[in-house]
Amino acid sequence: MDNLKKFDLMGKISRELDDLKHSQTAVIQKIGKIEVDNMELNNVKLENKLGEMHQNASDILDSIAAVLENFEEVKNKFEGKNNIAGLREQESLNNSK
């Protein structure tokens, strides 16, 4: 696989990780809404499980954020090391001929 294709794949993975982060944030928000609704019901079992679920979801979000941050650093180093902008320019010139 050439460097442009590798970089494009890295971009795709980065976007997917970012989407995963947003999805996990939505899960946490939904759990929070259920927790608020349960305040009126005072269902102890639901309260205990939701608290545990909220913590687990938060831990997963932290893991996703850490992986994404690390992967972005790897991608940025790869971009600089392999002169991706120059390769894109060359590819554009080659395609315009």
PDB file of N, CA and C in Angstrom:
ATOM      1  N   MET A   1       0.857  -1.174   0.000  1.00  0.00           N
ATOM      2  CA  MET A   1       0.000   0.000   0.000  1.00  0.00           C
ATOM      3  C   MET A   1       0.903   1.237   0.000  1.00  0.00           C
ATOM      4  N   ASP A   2       0.624   2.168  -0.903  1.00  0.00           N
ATOM      5  CA  ASP A   2       1.469   3.359  -0.952  1.00  0.00           C
ATOM      6  C   ASP A   2       1.108   4.322   0.187  1.00  0.00           C
ATOM      7  N   ASN A   3       1.958   5.306   0.381  1.00  0.00           N
ATOM      8  CA  ASN A   3       1.809   6.208   1.526  1.00  0.00           C
ATOM      9  C   ASN A   3       0.538   7.044   1.484  1.00  0.00           C
ATOM     10  N   LEU A   4       0.094   7.449   0.286  1.00  0.00           N
ATOM     11  CA  LEU A   4      -1.159   8.205   0.198  1.00  0.00           C
ATOM     12  C   LEU A   4      -2.349   7.344   0.616  1.00  0.00           C
ATOM     13  N   LYS A   5      -2.349   6.103   0.172  1.00  0.00           N
ATOM     14  CA  LYS A   5      -3.442   5.198   0.556  1.00  0.00           C
ATOM     15  C   LYS A   5      -3.405   4.921   2.054  1.00  0.00           C
ATOM     16  N   LYS A   6      -2.212   4.748   2.600  1.00  0.00           N
ATOM     17  CA  LYS A   6      -2.091   4.537   4.046  1.00  0.00           C
ATOM     18  C   LYS A   6      -2.615   5.751   4.799  1.00  0.00           C
ATOM     19  N   PHE A   7      -2.243   6.943   4.338  1.00  0.00           N
ATOM     20  CA  PHE A   7      -2.690   8.158   5.015  1.00  0.00           C
ATOM     21  C   PHE A   7      -4.202   8.322   4.903  1.00  0.00           C
ATOM     22  N   ASP A   8      -4.758   8.019   3.741  1.00  0.00           N
ATOM     23  CA  ASP A   8      -6.213   8.086   3.575  1.00  0.00           C
ATOM     24  C   ASP A   8      -6.921   7.102   4.509  1.00  0.00           C
ATOM     25  N   LEU A   9      -6.352   5.914   4.658  1.00  0.00           N
ATOM     26  CA  LEU A   9      -6.923   4.925   5.571  1.00  0.00           C
ATOM     27  C   LEU A   9      -6.821   5.418   7.018  1.00  0.00           C
ATOM     28  N   MET A  10      -5.701   6.050   7.334  1.00  0.00           N
ATOM     29  CA  MET A  10      -5.548   6.625   8.674  1.00  0.00           C
ATOM     30  C   MET A  10      -6.613   7.699   8.917  1.00  0.00           C
ATOM     31  N   GLY A  11      -6.889   8.499   7.893  1.00  0.00           N
ATOM     32  CA  GLY A  11      -7.938   9.520   8.015  1.00  0.00           C
ATOM     33  C   GLY A  11      -9.299   8.897   8.254  1.00  0.00           C
ATOM     34  N   LYS A  12      -9.572   7.807   7.541  1.00  0.00           N
ATOM     35  CA  LYS A  12     -10.849   7.098   7.713  1.00  0.00           C
ATOM     36  C   LYS A  12     -10.965   6.554   9.136  1.00  0.00           C
ATOM     37  N   ILE A  13      -9.905   5.943   9.622  1.00  0.00           N
ATOM     38  CA  ILE A  13      -9.924   5.401  10.984  1.00  0.00           C
ATOM     39  C   ILE A  13     -10.107   6.520  11.996  1.00  0.00           C
ATOM     40  N   SER A  14      -9.449   7.625  11.761  1.00  0.00           N
ATOM     41  CA  SER A  14      -9.568   8.776  12.657  1.00  0.00           C
ATOM     42  C   SER A  14     -11.015   9.276  12.708  1.00  0.00           C
ATOM     43  N   ARG A  15     -11.650   9.372  11.547  1.00  0.00           N
ATOM     44  CA  ARG A  15     -13.058   9.802  11.501  1.00  0.00           C
ATOM     45  C   ARG A  15     -13.966   8.800  12.207  1.00  0.00           C
ATOM     46  N   GLU A  16     -13.679   7.512  12.032  1.00  0.00           N
ATOM     47  CA  GLU A  16     -14.489   6.477  12.680  1.00  0.00           C
ATOM     48  C   GLU A  16     -14.324   6.523  14.199  1.00  0.00           C
ATOM     49  N   LEU A  17     -13.111   6.763  14.662  1.00  0.00           N
ATOM     50  CA  LEU A  17     -12.893   6.900  16.103  1.00  0.00           C
ATOM     51  C   LEU A  17     -13.616   8.123  16.647  1.00  0.00           C
ATOM     52  N   ASP A  18     -13.589   9.203  15.881  1.00  0.00           N
ATOM     53  CA  ASP A  18     -14.297  10.413  16.297  1.00  0.00           C
ATOM     54  C   ASP A  18     -15.805  10.158  16.351  1.00  0.00           C
ATOM     55  N   ASP A  19     -16.321   9.423  15.362  1.00  0.00           N
ATOM     56  CA  ASP A  19     -17.744   9.065  15.353  1.00  0.00           C
ATOM     57  C   ASP A  19     -18.078   8.187  16.552  1.00  0.00           C
ATOM     58  N   LEU A  20     -17.187   7.254  16.857  1.00  0.00           N
ATOM     59  CA  LEU A  20     -17.370   6.387  18.022  1.00  0.00           C
ATOM     60  C   LEU A  20     -17.418   7.216  19.308  1.00  0.00           C
ATOM     61  N   LYS A  21     -16.553   8.214  19.388  1.00  0.00           N
ATOM     62  CA  LYS A  21     -16.527   9.110  20.554  1.00  0.00           C
ATOM     63  C   LYS A  21     -17.861   9.845  20.690  1.00  0.00           C
ATOM     64  N   HIS A  22     -18.387  10.337  19.572  1.00  0.00           N
ATOM     65  CA  HIS A  22     -19.681  11.034  19.614  1.00  0.00           C
ATOM     66  C   HIS A  22     -20.814  10.080  19.993  1.00  0.00           C
ATOM     67  N   SER A  23     -20.766   8.871  19.478  1.00  0.00           N
ATOM     68  CA  SER A  23     -21.790   7.876  19.809  1.00  0.00           C
ATOM     69  C   SER A  23     -21.763   7.537  21.296  1.00  0.00           C
ATOM     70  N   GLN A  24     -20.566   7.387  21.839  1.00  0.00           N
ATOM     71  CA  GLN A  24     -20.440   7.060  23.257  1.00  0.00           C
ATOM     72  C   GLN A  24     -20.921   8.224  24.114  1.00  0.00           C
ATOM     73  N   THR A  25     -20.666   9.453  23.666  1.00  0.00           N
ATOM     74  CA  THR A  25     -21.168  10.629  24.376  1.00  0.00           C
ATOM     75  C   THR A  25     -22.687  10.618  24.397  1.00  0.00           C
ATOM     76  N   ALA A  26     -23.295  10.219  23.278  1.00  0.00           N
ATOM     77  CA  ALA A  26     -24.757  10.130  23.214  1.00  0.00           C
ATOM     78  C   ALA A  26     -25.288   9.070  24.178  1.00  0.00           C
ATOM     79  N   VAL A  27     -24.582   7.962  24.309  1.00  0.00           N
ATOM     80  CA  VAL A  27     -24.984   6.908  25.254  1.00  0.00           C
ATOM     81  C   VAL A  27     -24.969   7.471  26.683  1.00  0.00           C
ATOM     82  N   ILE A  28     -23.916   8.197  27.012  1.00  0.00           N
ATOM     83  CA  ILE A  28     -23.803   8.775  28.352  1.00  0.00           C
ATOM     84  C   ILE A  28     -24.940   9.763  28.597  1.00  0.00           C
ATOM     85  N   GLN A  29     -25.261  10.572  27.609  1.00  0.00           N
ATOM     86  CA  GLN A  29     -26.352  11.532  27.758  1.00  0.00           C
ATOM     87  C   GLN A  29     -27.690  10.830  27.961  1.00  0.00           C
ATOM     88  N   LYS A  30     -27.904   9.739  27.231  1.00  0.00           N
ATOM     89  CA  LYS A  30     -29.157   8.986  27.383  1.00  0.00           C
ATOM     90  C   LYS A  30     -29.258   8.366  28.774  1.00  0.00           C
ATOM     91  N   ILE A  31     -28.161   7.823  29.244  1.00  0.00           N
ATOM     92  CA  ILE A  31     -28.159   7.261  30.601  1.00  0.00           C
ATOM     93  C   ILE A  31     -28.473   8.360  31.605  1.00  0.00           C
ATOM     94  N   GLY A  32     -27.885   9.530  31.413  1.00  0.00           N
ATOM     95  CA  GLY A  32     -28.140  10.659  32.310  1.00  0.00           C
ATOM     96  C   GLY A  32     -29.606  11.064  32.319  1.00  0.00           C
ATOM     97  N   LYS A  33     -30.238  11.061  31.157  1.00  0.00           N
ATOM     98  CA  LYS A  33     -31.667  11.402  31.078  1.00  0.00           C
ATOM     99  C   LYS A  33     -32.513  10.382  31.832  1.00  0.00           C
ATOM    100  N   ILE A  34     -32.161   9.113  31.688  1.00  0.00           N
ATOM    101  CA  ILE A  34     -32.902   8.069  32.408  1.00  0.00           C
ATOM    102  C   ILE A  34     -32.690   8.223  33.908  1.00  0.00           C
ATOM    103  N   GLU A  35     -31.463   8.569  34.307  1.00  0.00           N
ATOM    104  CA  GLU A  35     -31.179   8.789  35.735  1.00  0.00           C
ATOM    105  C   GLU A  35     -32.039   9.917  36.282  1.00  0.00           C
ATOM    106  N   VAL A  36     -32.181  10.990  35.521  1.00  0.00           N
ATOM    107  CA  VAL A  36     -33.020  12.122  35.951  1.00  0.00           C
ATOM    108  C   VAL A  36     -34.480  11.686  36.066  1.00  0.00           C
ATOM    109  N   ASP A  37     -34.965  10.946  35.067  1.00  0.00           N
ATOM    110  CA  ASP A  37     -36.344  10.466  35.113  1.00  0.00           C
ATOM    111  C   ASP A  37     -36.567   9.535  36.299  1.00  0.00           C
ATOM    112  N   ASN A  38     -35.564   8.757  36.620  1.00  0.00           N
ATOM    113  CA  ASN A  38     -35.694   7.812  37.731  1.00  0.00           C
ATOM    114  C   ASN A  38     -35.728   8.517  39.089  1.00  0.00           C
ATOM    115  N   MET A  39     -35.282   9.753  39.147  1.00  0.00           N
ATOM    116  CA  MET A  39     -35.339  10.487  40.419  1.00  0.00           C
ATOM    117  C   MET A  39     -36.775  10.584  40.925  1.00  0.00           C
ATOM    118  N   GLU A  40     -37.732  10.657  40.001  1.00  0.00           N
ATOM    119  CA  GLU A  40     -39.142  10.706  40.398  1.00  0.00           C
ATOM    120  C   GLU A  40     -39.650   9.326  40.796  1.00  0.00           C
ATOM    121  N   LEU A  41     -39.128   8.287  40.174  1.00  0.00           N
ATOM    122  CA  LEU A  41     -39.578   6.924  40.481  1.00  0.00           C
ATOM    123  C   LEU A  41     -38.906   6.363  41.726  1.00  0.00           C
ATOM    124  N   ASN A  42     -37.665   6.742  41.953  1.00  0.00           N
ATOM    125  CA  ASN A  42     -36.870   6.230  43.069  1.00  0.00           C
ATOM    126  C   ASN A  42     -36.721   4.709  43.042  1.00  0.00           C
ATOM    127  N   ASN A  43     -36.533   4.154  41.865  1.00  0.00           N
ATOM    128  CA  ASN A  43     -36.299   2.730  41.739  1.00  0.00           C
ATOM    129  C   ASN A  43     -34.835   2.474  42.080  1.00  0.00           C
ATOM    130  N   VAL A  44     -34.596   1.824  43.222  1.00  0.00           N
ATOM    131  CA  VAL A  44     -33.246   1.635  43.737  1.00  0.00           C
ATOM    132  C   VAL A  44     -32.404   0.762  42.808  1.00  0.00           C
ATOM    133  N   LYS A  45     -32.976  -0.323  42.319  1.00  0.00           N
ATOM    134  CA  LYS A  45     -32.220  -1.210  41.419  1.00  0.00           C
ATOM    135  C   LYS A  45     -31.820  -0.477  40.142  1.00  0.00           C
ATOM    136  N   LEU A  46     -32.753   0.274  39.596  1.00  0.00           N
ATOM    137  CA  LEU A  46     -32.461   1.046  38.391  1.00  0.00           C
ATOM    138  C   LEU A  46     -31.394   2.099  38.687  1.00  0.00           C
ATOM    139  N   GLU A  47     -31.513   2.752  39.809  1.00  0.00           N
ATOM    140  CA  GLU A  47     -30.536   3.775  40.203  1.00  0.00           C
ATOM    141  C   GLU A  47     -29.131   3.182  40.309  1.00  0.00           C
ATOM    142  N   ASN A  48     -29.014   2.030  40.962  1.00  0.00           N
ATOM    143  CA  ASN A  48     -27.712   1.387  41.115  1.00  0.00           C
ATOM    144  C   ASN A  48     -27.124   0.962  39.776  1.00  0.00           C
ATOM    145  N   LYS A  49     -27.942   0.337  38.940  1.00  0.00           N
ATOM    146  CA  LYS A  49     -27.455  -0.135  37.640  1.00  0.00           C
ATOM    147  C   LYS A  49     -27.093   1.034  36.728  1.00  0.00           C
ATOM    148  N   LEU A  50     -27.924   2.086  36.736  1.00  0.00           N
ATOM    149  CA  LEU A  50     -27.642   3.233  35.874  1.00  0.00           C
ATOM    150  C   LEU A  50     -26.342   3.921  36.280  1.00  0.00           C
ATOM    151  N   GLY A  51     -26.103   4.014  37.580  1.00  0.00           N
ATOM    152  CA  GLY A  51     -24.848   4.605  38.048  1.00  0.00           C
ATOM    153  C   GLY A  51     -23.646   3.813  37.567  1.00  0.00           C
ATOM    154  N   GLU A  52     -23.767   2.502  37.641  1.00  0.00           N
ATOM    155  CA  GLU A  52     -22.697   1.609  37.172  1.00  0.00           C
ATOM    156  C   GLU A  52     -22.522   1.733  35.659  1.00  0.00           C
ATOM    157  N   MET A  53     -23.633   1.758  34.938  1.00  0.00           N
ATOM    158  CA  MET A  53     -23.576   1.900  33.482  1.00  0.00           C
ATOM    159  C   MET A  53     -22.960   3.241  33.085  1.00  0.00           C
ATOM    160  N   HIS A  54     -23.334   4.282  33.795  1.00  0.00           N
ATOM    161  CA  HIS A  54     -22.806   5.616  33.505  1.00  0.00           C
ATOM    162  C   HIS A  54     -21.291   5.633  33.694  1.00  0.00           C
ATOM    163  N   GLN A  55     -20.816   5.027  34.761  1.00  0.00           N
ATOM    164  CA  GLN A  55     -19.380   4.982  35.022  1.00  0.00           C
ATOM    165  C   GLN A  55     -18.653   4.172  33.951  1.00  0.00           C
ATOM    166  N   ASN A  56     -19.217   3.016  33.597  1.00  0.00           N
ATOM    167  CA  ASN A  56     -18.601   2.181  32.550  1.00  0.00           C
ATOM    168  C   ASN A  56     -18.551   2.916  31.215  1.00  0.00           C
ATOM    169  N   ALA A  57     -19.652   3.583  30.866  1.00  0.00           N
ATOM    170  CA  ALA A  57     -19.699   4.332  29.611  1.00  0.00           C
ATOM    171  C   ALA A  57     -18.692   5.479  29.625  1.00  0.00           C
ATOM    172  N   SER A  58     -18.540   6.119  30.767  1.00  0.00           N
ATOM    173  CA  SER A  58     -17.561   7.206  30.896  1.00  0.00           C
ATOM    174  C   SER A  58     -16.139   6.682  30.755  1.00  0.00           C
ATOM    175  N   ASP A  59     -15.884   5.517  31.341  1.00  0.00           N
ATOM    176  CA  ASP A  59     -14.557   4.904  31.211  1.00  0.00           C
ATOM    177  C   ASP A  59     -14.250   4.573  29.750  1.00  0.00           C
ATOM    178  N   ILE A  60     -15.251   4.057  29.045  1.00  0.00           N
ATOM    179  CA  ILE A  60     -15.069   3.735  27.631  1.00  0.00           C
ATOM    180  C   ILE A  60     -14.805   5.008  26.831  1.00  0.00           C
ATOM    181  N   LEU A  61     -15.540   6.077  27.148  1.00  0.00           N
ATOM    182  CA  LEU A  61     -15.319   7.349  26.455  1.00  0.00           C
ATOM    183  C   LEU A  61     -13.895   7.848  26.683  1.00  0.00           C
ATOM    184  N   ASP A  62     -13.411   7.724  27.903  1.00  0.00           N
ATOM    185  CA  ASP A  62     -12.026   8.119  28.193  1.00  0.00           C
ATOM    186  C   ASP A  62     -11.041   7.293  27.373  1.00  0.00           C
ATOM    187  N   SER A  63     -11.300   5.991  27.245  1.00  0.00           N
ATOM    188  CA  SER A  63     -10.430   5.114  26.450  1.00  0.00           C
ATOM    189  C   SER A  63     -10.449   5.503  24.978  1.00  0.00           C
ATOM    190  N   ILE A  64     -11.632   5.777  24.460  1.00  0.00           N
ATOM    191  CA  ILE A  64     -11.750   6.183  23.061  1.00  0.00           C
ATOM    192  C   ILE A  64     -10.985   7.484  22.824  1.00  0.00           C
ATOM    193  N   ALA A  65     -11.151   8.438  23.731  1.00  0.00           N
ATOM    194  CA  ALA A  65     -10.466   9.729  23.590  1.00  0.00           C
ATOM    195  C   ALA A  65      -8.952   9.549  23.602  1.00  0.00           C
ATOM    196  N   ALA A  66      -8.452   8.681  24.472  1.00  0.00           N
ATOM    197  CA  ALA A  66      -7.011   8.437  24.551  1.00  0.00           C
ATOM    198  C   ALA A  66      -6.497   7.769  23.274  1.00  0.00           C
ATOM    199  N   VAL A  67      -7.236   6.794  22.775  1.00  0.00           N
ATOM    200  CA  VAL A  67      -6.839   6.108  21.537  1.00  0.00           C
ATOM    201  C   VAL A  67      -6.855   7.094  20.372  1.00  0.00           C
ATOM    202  N   LEU A  68      -7.896   7.911  20.301  1.00  0.00           N
ATOM    203  CA  LEU A  68      -8.002   8.891  19.225  1.00  0.00           C
ATOM    204  C   LEU A  68      -6.853   9.894  19.279  1.00  0.00           C
ATOM    205  N   GLU A  69      -6.550  10.382  20.452  1.00  0.00           N
ATOM    206  CA  GLU A  69      -5.456  11.348  20.604  1.00  0.00           C
ATOM    207  C   GLU A  69      -4.128  10.729  20.160  1.00  0.00           C
ATOM    208  N   ASN A  70      -3.871   9.510  20.611  1.00  0.00           N
ATOM    209  CA  ASN A  70      -2.640   8.827  20.225  1.00  0.00           C
ATOM    210  C   ASN A  70      -2.590   8.586  18.720  1.00  0.00           C
ATOM    211  N   PHE A  71      -3.699   8.153  18.158  1.00  0.00           N
ATOM    212  CA  PHE A  71      -3.736   7.858  16.733  1.00  0.00           C
ATOM    213  C   PHE A  71      -3.538   9.125  15.901  1.00  0.00           C
ATOM    214  N   GLU A  72      -4.099  10.250  16.356  1.00  0.00           N
ATOM    215  CA  GLU A  72      -3.911  11.518  15.655  1.00  0.00           C
ATOM    216  C   GLU A  72      -2.433  11.911  15.639  1.00  0.00           C
ATOM    217  N   GLU A  73      -1.737  11.659  16.747  1.00  0.00           N
ATOM    218  CA  GLU A  73      -0.301  11.945  16.802  1.00  0.00           C
ATOM    219  C   GLU A  73       0.458  11.083  15.796  1.00  0.00           C
ATOM    220  N   VAL A  74       0.125   9.811  15.736  1.00  0.00           N
ATOM    221  CA  VAL A  74       0.756   8.891  14.784  1.00  0.00           C
ATOM    222  C   VAL A  74       0.479   9.352  13.352  1.00  0.00           C
ATOM    223  N   LYS A  75      -0.775   9.700  13.086  1.00  0.00           N
ATOM    224  CA  LYS A  75      -1.164  10.148  11.747  1.00  0.00           C
ATOM    225  C   LYS A  75      -0.425  11.429  11.366  1.00  0.00           C
ATOM    226  N   ASN A  76      -0.333  12.371  12.288  1.00  0.00           N
ATOM    227  CA  ASN A  76       0.353  13.638  12.008  1.00  0.00           C
ATOM    228  C   ASN A  76       1.845  13.417  11.745  1.00  0.00           C
ATOM    229  N   LYS A  77       2.465  12.536  12.513  1.00  0.00           N
ATOM    230  CA  LYS A  77       3.882  12.225  12.287  1.00  0.00           C
ATOM    231  C   LYS A  77       4.074  11.569  10.926  1.00  0.00           C
ATOM    232  N   PHE A  78       3.182  10.651  10.585  1.00  0.00           N
ATOM    233  CA  PHE A  78       3.242   9.973   9.290  1.00  0.00           C
ATOM    234  C   PHE A  78       3.102  10.992   8.156  1.00  0.00           C
ATOM    235  N   GLU A  79       2.180  11.931   8.336  1.00  0.00           N
ATOM    236  CA  GLU A  79       1.946  12.963   7.318  1.00  0.00           C
ATOM    237  C   GLU A  79       3.206  13.798   7.090  1.00  0.00           C
ATOM    238  N   GLY A  80       3.833  14.229   8.181  1.00  0.00           N
ATOM    239  CA  GLY A  80       5.038  15.031   8.059  1.00  0.00           C
ATOM    240  C   GLY A  80       6.218  14.250   7.501  1.00  0.00           C
ATOM    241  N   LYS A  81       6.401  13.054   8.007  1.00  0.00           N
ATOM    242  CA  LYS A  81       7.535  12.220   7.595  1.00  0.00           C
ATOM    243  C   LYS A  81       7.470  11.853   6.110  1.00  0.00           C
ATOM    244  N   ASN A  82       6.253  11.677   5.616  1.00  0.00           N
ATOM    245  CA  ASN A  82       6.077  11.206   4.240  1.00  0.00           C
ATOM    246  C   ASN A  82       5.654  12.299   3.266  1.00  0.00           C
ATOM    247  N   ASN A  83       5.702  13.557   3.700  1.00  0.00           N
ATOM    248  CA  ASN A  83       5.376  14.699   2.843  1.00  0.00           C
ATOM    249  C   ASN A  83       4.079  14.454   2.058  1.00  0.00           C
ATOM    250  N   ILE A  84       3.008  14.208   2.794  1.00  0.00           N
ATOM    251  CA  ILE A  84       1.725  13.876   2.174  1.00  0.00           C
ATOM    252  C   ILE A  84       1.228  15.015   1.284  1.00  0.00           C
ATOM    253  N   ALA A  85       1.426  16.255   1.709  1.00  0.00           N
ATOM    254  CA  ALA A  85       0.995  17.395   0.880  1.00  0.00           C
ATOM    255  C   ALA A  85       1.713  17.373  -0.468  1.00  0.00           C
ATOM    256  N   GLY A  86       2.999  17.100  -0.451  1.00  0.00           N
ATOM    257  CA  GLY A  86       3.766  17.018  -1.690  1.00  0.00           C
ATOM    258  C   GLY A  86       3.317  15.861  -2.561  1.00  0.00           C
ATOM    259  N   LEU A  87       3.031  14.725  -1.931  1.00  0.00           N
ATOM    260  CA  LEU A  87       2.548  13.566  -2.690  1.00  0.00           C
ATOM    261  C   LEU A  87       1.190  13.843  -3.321  1.00  0.00           C
ATOM    262  N   ARG A  88       0.329  14.541  -2.593  1.00  0.00           N
ATOM    263  CA  ARG A  88      -0.993  14.896  -3.136  1.00  0.00           C
ATOM    264  C   ARG A  88      -0.840  15.847  -4.327  1.00  0.00           C
ATOM    265  N   GLU A  89       0.067  16.803  -4.192  1.00  0.00           N
ATOM    266  CA  GLU A  89       0.306  17.746  -5.277  1.00  0.00           C
ATOM    267  C   GLU A  89       0.830  17.007  -6.509  1.00  0.00           C
ATOM    268  N   GLN A  90       1.763  16.097  -6.295  1.00  0.00           N
ATOM    269  CA  GLN A  90       2.314  15.319  -7.405  1.00  0.00           C
ATOM    270  C   GLN A  90       1.229  14.452  -8.045  1.00  0.00           C
ATOM    271  N   GLU A  91       0.393  13.854  -7.213  1.00  0.00           N
ATOM    272  CA  GLU A  91      -0.699  13.029  -7.727  1.00  0.00           C
ATOM    273  C   GLU A  91      -1.656  13.878  -8.572  1.00  0.00           C
ATOM    274  N   SER A  92      -1.936  15.068  -8.092  1.00  0.00           N
ATOM    275  CA  SER A  92      -2.821  15.981  -8.822  1.00  0.00           C
ATOM    276  C   SER A  92      -2.221  16.362 -10.175  1.00  0.00           C
ATOM    277  N   LEU A  93      -0.933  16.637 -10.173  1.00  0.00           N
ATOM    278  CA  LEU A  93      -0.250  16.976 -11.424  1.00  0.00           C
ATOM    279  C   LEU A  93      -0.273  15.795 -12.394  1.00  0.00           C
ATOM    280  N   ASN A  94      -0.039  14.600 -11.876  1.00  0.00           N
ATOM    281  CA  ASN A  94      -0.037  13.400 -12.710  1.00  0.00           C
ATOM    282  C   ASN A  94      -1.428  13.143 -13.307  1.00  0.00           C
ATOM    283  N   ASN A  95      -2.462  13.409 -12.527  1.00  0.00           N
ATOM    284  CA  ASN A  95      -3.833  13.165 -12.990  1.00  0.00           C
ATOM    285  C   ASN A  95      -4.304  14.214 -13.981  1.00  0.00           C
ATOM    286  N   SER A  96      -3.702  15.396 -13.956  1.00  0.00           N
ATOM    287  CA  SER A  96      -4.135  16.460 -14.857  1.00  0.00           C
ATOM    288  C   SER A  96      -3.498  16.349 -16.245  1.00  0.00           C
ATOM    289  N   LYS A  97      -2.560  15.443 -16.400  1.00  0.00           N
ATOM    290  CA  LYS A  97      -1.878  15.274 -17.703  1.00  0.00           C
ATOM    291  C   LYS A  97      -2.668  14.409 -18.637  1.00  0.00           C
TER     292      LYS A  97
END
